[in-house]
N, C-alpha and C. Protein backbone atom coordinates (compact mmCIF):
# COMPACT_ATOMS: atom_id res chain seq x y z
N UNK A 1 42.88 87.67 -18.63
CA UNK A 1 42.73 86.75 -16.95
C UNK A 1 43.66 85.95 -17.18
N UNK A 2 44.05 85.19 -16.38
CA UNK A 2 45.63 84.00 -15.85
C UNK A 2 45.27 82.93 -15.97
N UNK A 3 45.81 81.18 -17.12
CA UNK A 3 45.33 80.14 -17.01
C UNK A 3 46.40 79.77 -16.53
N UNK A 4 46.12 78.40 -15.74
CA UNK A 4 46.97 77.34 -15.87
C UNK A 4 46.57 76.24 -16.34
N UNK A 5 47.59 75.61 -17.22
CA UNK A 5 46.87 74.57 -18.23
C UNK A 5 47.94 72.99 -17.43
N UNK A 6 46.67 72.30 -17.68
CA UNK A 6 46.94 71.04 -17.09
C UNK A 6 47.68 70.00 -18.48
N UNK A 7 47.79 69.20 -17.82
CA UNK A 7 48.77 68.51 -19.24
C UNK A 7 48.30 68.00 -20.38
N UNK A 8 46.70 67.40 -19.30
CA UNK A 8 45.52 66.87 -20.78
C UNK A 8 45.47 68.19 -21.72
N UNK A 9 45.35 69.09 -21.46
CA UNK A 9 45.25 69.97 -22.24
C UNK A 9 45.97 70.78 -23.56
N UNK A 10 47.42 70.17 -22.07
CA UNK A 10 48.66 70.33 -24.02
C UNK A 10 49.00 69.43 -24.28
N UNK A 11 48.41 68.26 -24.15
CA UNK A 11 48.93 66.99 -25.06
C UNK A 11 47.19 66.88 -26.16
N UNK A 12 46.36 67.63 -26.10
CA UNK A 12 45.40 68.25 -26.84
C UNK A 12 45.33 68.98 -27.65
N UNK A 13 46.07 70.14 -27.23
CA UNK A 13 46.98 71.10 -28.20
C UNK A 13 47.66 70.83 -29.29
N UNK A 14 48.73 70.03 -28.84
CA UNK A 14 50.05 69.61 -30.07
C UNK A 14 48.97 68.55 -30.79
N UNK A 15 48.25 67.80 -31.00
CA UNK A 15 47.11 66.97 -31.48
C UNK A 15 45.90 68.08 -32.30
N UNK A 16 46.30 69.01 -31.78
CA UNK A 16 44.87 70.01 -32.56
C UNK A 16 43.31 69.26 -32.45
N UNK A 17 43.10 68.83 -31.35
CA UNK A 17 42.25 67.99 -30.39
C UNK A 17 40.67 69.23 -30.89
N UNK A 18 39.65 69.27 -31.33
CA UNK A 18 39.06 70.12 -31.66
C UNK A 18 38.15 70.79 -30.42
N UNK A 19 37.51 69.44 -29.30
CA UNK A 19 37.71 70.31 -28.00
C UNK A 19 38.35 70.82 -27.86
N UNK A 20 39.76 70.85 -27.81
CA UNK A 20 40.60 72.10 -27.32
C UNK A 20 40.94 72.85 -27.33
N UNK A 21 41.15 73.02 -29.11
CA UNK A 21 41.28 74.51 -30.74
C UNK A 21 39.64 74.90 -30.10
N UNK A 22 39.04 74.73 -29.29
CA UNK A 22 37.51 75.23 -29.02
C UNK A 22 37.85 76.70 -28.02
N UNK A 23 38.14 75.69 -26.57
CA UNK A 23 38.77 76.16 -25.58
C UNK A 23 39.93 77.28 -25.86
N UNK A 24 40.95 77.17 -26.25
CA UNK A 24 41.89 78.00 -26.56
C UNK A 24 40.88 79.86 -27.02
N UNK A 25 40.44 78.79 -28.15
CA UNK A 25 39.80 80.17 -29.27
C UNK A 25 39.31 81.09 -27.76
N UNK A 26 38.73 80.68 -27.43
CA UNK A 26 37.29 81.03 -26.75
C UNK A 26 38.32 81.85 -25.55
N UNK A 27 39.79 81.02 -25.03
CA UNK A 27 40.66 82.34 -24.34
C UNK A 27 40.75 83.33 -24.36
N UNK A 28 41.89 83.20 -26.02
CA UNK A 28 42.64 84.36 -27.02
C UNK A 28 41.89 85.37 -27.03
N UNK A 29 40.02 84.85 -26.49
CA UNK A 29 39.25 86.60 -27.04
C UNK A 29 39.01 87.61 -26.66
N UNK A 30 39.75 87.22 -25.34
CA UNK A 30 40.18 87.64 -23.74
C UNK A 30 41.27 88.78 -24.15
N UNK A 31 41.30 89.78 -24.03
CA UNK A 31 42.44 90.92 -23.93
C UNK A 31 43.58 89.75 -22.92
N UNK A 32 44.68 90.18 -23.65
CA UNK A 32 45.94 89.59 -23.33
C UNK A 32 45.97 88.49 -22.12
N UNK A 33 45.19 86.99 -22.22
CA UNK A 33 45.75 86.26 -21.39
C UNK A 33 47.12 85.85 -21.22
N UNK A 34 46.95 84.72 -20.01
CA UNK A 34 48.58 84.97 -19.61
C UNK A 34 48.35 83.23 -19.59
N UNK A 35 49.20 82.85 -20.15
CA UNK A 35 49.30 81.10 -19.73
C UNK A 35 50.55 80.48 -19.22
N UNK A 36 50.29 79.61 -18.16
CA UNK A 36 50.52 79.00 -17.30
C UNK A 36 50.43 77.53 -16.88
N UNK A 37 52.18 76.98 -16.97
CA UNK A 37 52.05 75.81 -16.69
C UNK A 37 53.21 75.22 -15.49
N UNK A 38 53.87 74.53 -14.90
CA UNK A 38 54.65 74.51 -14.31
C UNK A 38 55.49 72.74 -15.34
N UNK A 39 56.85 72.92 -13.32
CA UNK A 39 57.82 71.79 -14.74
C UNK A 39 57.22 70.26 -14.52
N UNK A 40 56.15 69.74 -13.93
CA UNK A 40 56.03 68.87 -14.12
C UNK A 40 55.12 68.65 -14.67
N UNK A 41 54.37 69.59 -15.32
CA UNK A 41 53.67 69.61 -16.57
C UNK A 41 54.39 69.08 -17.70
N UNK A 42 54.98 70.08 -17.96
CA UNK A 42 56.80 70.07 -19.07
C UNK A 42 56.78 68.41 -19.08
N UNK A 43 57.56 68.03 -17.80
CA UNK A 43 57.55 66.63 -17.44
C UNK A 43 57.03 66.03 -17.94
N UNK A 44 55.87 65.82 -17.49
CA UNK A 44 53.73 65.06 -17.86
C UNK A 44 54.21 64.65 -19.53
N UNK A 45 54.45 65.65 -20.71
CA UNK A 45 54.16 66.49 -21.44
C UNK A 45 55.30 65.63 -22.50
N UNK A 46 56.68 65.69 -22.02
CA UNK A 46 57.13 64.98 -22.95
C UNK A 46 58.37 63.87 -22.49
N UNK A 47 57.52 63.38 -21.20
CA UNK A 47 58.68 62.23 -20.91
C UNK A 47 58.22 61.11 -22.46
N UNK A 48 57.15 61.04 -22.05
CA UNK A 48 56.52 59.83 -22.77
C UNK A 48 56.96 59.72 -24.29
N UNK A 49 57.22 60.23 -24.85
CA UNK A 49 57.40 60.46 -26.26
C UNK A 49 58.53 59.77 -26.79
N UNK A 50 58.87 58.98 -27.29
CA UNK A 50 59.61 58.20 -27.67
C UNK A 50 60.65 58.85 -28.24
N UNK A 51 61.46 58.57 -28.45
CA UNK A 51 63.20 58.60 -29.03
C UNK A 51 63.23 59.04 -31.07
N UNK A 52 61.89 57.67 -31.45
CA UNK A 52 61.74 58.41 -32.86
C UNK A 52 60.55 59.02 -33.70
N UNK A 53 60.48 59.67 -31.91
CA UNK A 53 59.31 60.96 -33.07
C UNK A 53 59.61 62.42 -32.80
N UNK A 54 60.88 62.01 -32.94
CA UNK A 54 61.13 63.89 -33.43
C UNK A 54 60.50 65.12 -33.45
N UNK A 55 59.69 64.85 -34.28
CA UNK A 55 58.67 66.05 -34.57
C UNK A 55 57.73 66.48 -34.18
N UNK A 56 57.11 65.22 -33.00
CA UNK A 56 55.72 65.33 -32.41
C UNK A 56 56.43 65.62 -30.76
N UNK A 57 57.72 65.63 -30.54
CA UNK A 57 58.51 66.13 -29.50
C UNK A 57 58.69 67.79 -29.30
N UNK A 58 59.33 67.81 -30.71
CA UNK A 58 59.40 68.93 -31.26
C UNK A 58 57.83 70.64 -30.80
N UNK A 59 57.02 69.90 -31.59
CA UNK A 59 56.45 70.30 -31.84
C UNK A 59 55.08 70.84 -30.41
N UNK A 60 55.46 69.38 -29.25
CA UNK A 60 55.21 69.66 -28.07
C UNK A 60 55.76 70.46 -27.78
N UNK A 61 57.02 70.93 -27.10
CA UNK A 61 58.04 71.58 -26.94
C UNK A 61 57.87 73.26 -27.05
N UNK A 62 57.50 72.81 -28.24
CA UNK A 62 57.59 74.43 -28.71
C UNK A 62 56.51 75.39 -28.07
N UNK A 63 55.30 74.18 -28.27
CA UNK A 63 53.96 74.48 -27.74
C UNK A 63 54.20 74.72 -26.03
N UNK A 64 54.85 74.21 -25.15
CA UNK A 64 55.26 74.20 -23.79
C UNK A 64 55.83 75.31 -23.27
N UNK A 65 57.09 76.14 -24.75
CA UNK A 65 57.15 77.47 -25.06
C UNK A 65 56.80 78.37 -24.66
N UNK A 66 55.08 78.56 -24.87
CA UNK A 66 54.28 79.16 -25.34
C UNK A 66 53.92 80.26 -23.73
N UNK A 67 53.72 78.94 -22.74
CA UNK A 67 53.83 78.93 -21.48
C UNK A 67 54.39 80.02 -20.36
N UNK A 68 54.44 80.74 -19.72
CA UNK A 68 55.28 80.90 -18.51
C UNK A 68 55.17 79.36 -17.63
N UNK A 69 56.40 79.61 -17.13
CA UNK A 69 56.39 78.37 -16.31
C UNK A 69 57.03 78.78 -14.45
N UNK A 70 55.66 78.20 -14.07
CA UNK A 70 55.96 78.70 -12.31
C UNK A 70 56.92 77.20 -11.72
N UNK A 71 57.03 77.88 -10.44
CA UNK A 71 58.34 77.34 -9.58
C UNK A 71 56.79 76.97 -8.64
N UNK A 72 56.75 75.73 -8.40
CA UNK A 72 56.31 74.93 -7.47
C UNK A 72 57.54 75.05 -5.60
N UNK A 73 56.36 75.53 -5.31
CA UNK A 73 57.28 76.04 -3.72
C UNK A 73 56.69 75.52 -3.08
N UNK A 74 57.70 75.04 -1.62
CA UNK A 74 57.47 74.26 -0.42
C UNK A 74 56.34 74.52 -0.59
N UNK A 75 55.92 75.81 -0.24
CA UNK A 75 54.40 75.76 0.09
C UNK A 75 53.22 74.88 -0.52
N UNK A 76 54.02 75.42 -1.67
CA UNK A 76 52.62 74.32 -3.22
C UNK A 76 52.79 72.76 -2.67
N UNK A 77 53.37 72.47 -1.53
CA UNK A 77 53.57 70.53 -1.72
C UNK A 77 52.80 70.65 -0.54
N UNK A 78 53.53 71.82 0.58
CA UNK A 78 52.93 71.61 1.47
C UNK A 78 51.63 71.46 1.71
N UNK A 79 50.52 72.36 0.90
CA UNK A 79 49.01 73.24 0.84
C UNK A 79 48.86 71.26 0.18
N UNK A 80 48.78 70.52 -0.99
CA UNK A 80 49.19 69.78 -1.86
C UNK A 80 48.63 68.86 -0.75
N UNK A 81 49.86 68.64 0.36
CA UNK A 81 49.54 67.52 1.68
C UNK A 81 48.75 67.41 2.14
N UNK A 82 48.02 68.64 2.60
CA UNK A 82 46.97 69.05 3.46
C UNK A 82 45.73 68.85 3.30
N UNK A 83 45.61 68.95 1.43
CA UNK A 83 44.28 68.76 0.56
C UNK A 83 44.30 67.51 0.80
N UNK A 84 45.27 67.37 -0.12
CA UNK A 84 45.12 65.38 -0.20
C UNK A 84 44.46 64.57 1.10
N UNK A 85 45.13 64.41 2.21
CA UNK A 85 44.69 64.03 3.71
C UNK A 85 43.35 65.05 3.74
N UNK A 86 42.99 65.77 3.01
CA UNK A 86 41.22 66.60 3.76
C UNK A 86 40.75 65.50 2.64
N UNK A 87 40.66 66.02 1.18
CA UNK A 87 40.35 64.67 0.87
C UNK A 87 39.63 63.44 0.77
N UNK A 88 41.16 63.11 0.94
CA UNK A 88 41.10 61.49 1.49
C UNK A 88 40.69 61.22 3.19
N UNK A 89 39.80 62.58 4.30
CA UNK A 89 39.42 61.72 5.39
C UNK A 89 37.64 62.41 4.84
N UNK A 90 37.05 62.94 3.61
CA UNK A 90 36.27 62.55 3.02
C UNK A 90 35.29 61.20 1.98
N UNK A 91 36.51 60.94 1.84
CA UNK A 91 36.44 59.54 0.81
C UNK A 91 36.86 60.10 -0.46
N UNK A 92 37.45 60.73 -0.63
CA UNK A 92 37.68 60.64 -2.39
C UNK A 92 39.05 60.61 -3.23
N UNK A 93 38.22 59.90 -3.70
CA UNK A 93 40.62 59.44 -3.77
C UNK A 93 39.57 58.72 -5.87
N UNK A 94 41.21 59.05 -6.69
CA UNK A 94 41.00 58.45 -8.33
C UNK A 94 42.61 58.56 -8.04
N UNK A 95 42.26 58.47 -9.83
CA UNK A 95 43.96 57.40 -10.47
C UNK A 95 44.74 57.81 -9.86
N UNK A 96 45.90 56.82 -11.41
CA UNK A 96 47.17 56.95 -10.17
C UNK A 96 47.80 58.23 -10.69
N UNK A 97 47.57 59.03 -10.88
CA UNK A 97 48.52 60.56 -10.94
C UNK A 97 47.69 61.18 -10.50
N UNK A 98 46.66 60.73 -9.31
CA UNK A 98 46.68 61.09 -7.98
C UNK A 98 47.01 62.62 -7.12
N UNK A 99 49.00 62.29 -7.08
CA UNK A 99 49.96 63.06 -6.81
C UNK A 99 49.77 64.22 -7.47
N UNK A 100 49.46 63.97 -8.05
CA UNK A 100 50.58 64.77 -9.71
C UNK A 100 48.72 65.71 -9.98
N UNK A 101 47.62 65.15 -9.65
CA UNK A 101 46.74 66.19 -9.88
C UNK A 101 46.52 67.45 -8.13
N UNK A 102 46.44 66.86 -7.92
CA UNK A 102 47.04 67.91 -6.67
C UNK A 102 48.07 68.95 -6.60
N UNK A 103 49.30 68.27 -6.96
CA UNK A 103 50.18 69.20 -7.61
C UNK A 103 49.58 70.74 -8.19
N UNK A 104 49.40 69.71 -9.28
CA UNK A 104 48.50 71.09 -11.21
C UNK A 104 47.27 71.61 -9.81
N UNK A 105 46.62 70.92 -8.94
CA UNK A 105 45.21 72.51 -8.63
C UNK A 105 45.58 72.90 -7.79
N UNK A 106 46.45 72.98 -6.72
CA UNK A 106 47.02 73.56 -5.40
C UNK A 106 48.06 75.43 -7.01
N UNK A 107 48.33 74.51 -7.73
CA UNK A 107 49.72 75.49 -7.97
C UNK A 107 48.64 76.56 -8.67
N UNK A 108 48.18 76.04 -9.29
CA UNK A 108 46.45 76.92 -9.61
C UNK A 108 45.95 77.94 -9.13
N UNK A 109 45.59 77.76 -7.66
CA UNK A 109 45.12 77.97 -6.38
C UNK A 109 46.38 79.36 -6.21
N UNK A 110 47.22 78.48 -6.08
CA UNK A 110 48.56 79.44 -5.15
C UNK A 110 48.62 80.61 -5.59
N UNK A 111 48.73 80.38 -7.49
CA UNK A 111 48.92 81.54 -7.66
C UNK A 111 48.15 82.19 -8.07
N UNK A 112 46.94 81.33 -7.79
CA UNK A 112 45.68 82.87 -7.79
C UNK A 112 44.84 82.32 -10.25
N UNK A 113 45.06 81.25 -10.30
CA UNK A 113 45.08 81.18 -12.11
C UNK A 113 43.91 80.28 -11.92
N UNK A 114 43.54 80.67 -13.13
CA UNK A 114 42.09 79.78 -12.99
C UNK A 114 42.83 78.26 -13.93
N UNK A 115 42.55 77.32 -13.65
CA UNK A 115 42.70 75.79 -14.81
C UNK A 115 42.00 75.63 -15.19
N UNK A 116 42.71 74.51 -16.06
CA UNK A 116 41.94 74.83 -17.64
C UNK A 116 42.80 73.23 -17.52
N UNK A 117 41.31 72.42 -17.61
CA UNK A 117 41.86 71.03 -17.58
C UNK A 117 40.42 70.56 -18.07
N UNK A 118 40.65 68.92 -18.39
CA UNK A 118 39.65 68.65 -19.80
C UNK A 118 39.89 66.83 -18.49
N UNK A 119 40.28 67.20 -17.20
CA UNK A 119 40.16 65.72 -16.70
C UNK A 119 38.98 66.26 -15.45
N UNK A 120 37.65 65.06 -15.12
CA UNK A 120 37.10 65.23 -14.27
C UNK A 120 37.25 65.45 -12.68
N UNK A 121 38.59 64.48 -12.48
CA UNK A 121 39.14 64.73 -11.10
C UNK A 121 38.52 66.34 -10.91
N UNK A 122 39.63 68.06 -11.57
CA UNK A 122 39.86 68.21 -11.12
C UNK A 122 38.87 69.69 -10.89
N UNK A 123 37.94 68.66 -11.48
CA UNK A 123 36.11 68.59 -10.97
C UNK A 123 35.59 68.57 -9.19
N UNK A 124 35.70 67.82 -8.86
CA UNK A 124 35.88 67.38 -7.90
C UNK A 124 36.91 67.05 -6.91
N UNK A 125 38.09 68.18 -7.08
CA UNK A 125 38.86 68.32 -6.20
C UNK A 125 38.11 69.99 -5.99
N UNK A 126 37.70 70.95 -7.17
CA UNK A 126 37.00 71.97 -7.14
C UNK A 126 35.62 72.35 -6.18
N UNK A 127 35.20 70.92 -6.42
CA UNK A 127 33.83 70.70 -4.70
C UNK A 127 34.75 70.71 -3.75
N UNK A 128 35.54 70.45 -3.57
CA UNK A 128 35.94 69.68 -2.05
C UNK A 128 36.87 71.07 -1.64
N UNK A 129 37.63 71.95 -2.80
CA UNK A 129 38.68 72.70 -1.96
C UNK A 129 37.38 74.30 -1.08
N UNK A 130 37.02 74.19 -1.59
CA UNK A 130 35.41 75.31 -0.89
C UNK A 130 36.14 74.70 0.83
N UNK A 131 35.27 73.45 0.80
CA UNK A 131 35.00 73.08 1.75
C UNK A 131 35.76 73.11 2.81
N UNK A 132 37.07 72.48 2.03
CA UNK A 132 38.86 73.01 3.28
C UNK A 132 38.54 73.71 3.22
N UNK A 133 39.23 75.08 2.92
CA UNK A 133 39.16 75.92 3.12
C UNK A 133 38.62 76.46 4.03
N UNK A 134 37.19 75.99 4.12
CA UNK A 134 36.77 77.20 5.14
C UNK A 134 36.92 75.85 6.57
N UNK A 135 36.77 74.60 6.26
CA UNK A 135 36.68 74.67 7.74
C UNK A 135 38.65 74.63 7.69
N UNK A 136 39.56 74.93 7.54
CA UNK A 136 40.88 74.68 7.88
C UNK A 136 41.67 76.45 7.86
N UNK A 137 40.69 77.30 7.92
CA UNK A 137 40.17 78.25 8.46
C UNK A 137 41.56 78.78 9.69
């Protein structure tokens, strides 16, 4: 199976968080799972690490290098915009990283990947996505 990892999962993996470690063990029990991120996940994961934390930066970079990197194509941006507008029209809105959440979510959908995230907002997007697709055939 193929998986797209949200930034929050990467952060937890680097810290050996028990929840993330259990999730990764579950996934790796499958035959040859494939792990993906996009460049935005890479940017989000590395940008906030202070220059004085060189070991954490290296560990995070090494972790990210285990994933295949996907391109965020113009179609993904366009679909993210359309889906975000749809969700707003249905009264759904959330945190300050909303645009990034839409990009990650639609990236996973575009490449037909299972999204792995510990963000409850992604569950809300999943609920709205089926209705969005149905209404926008």
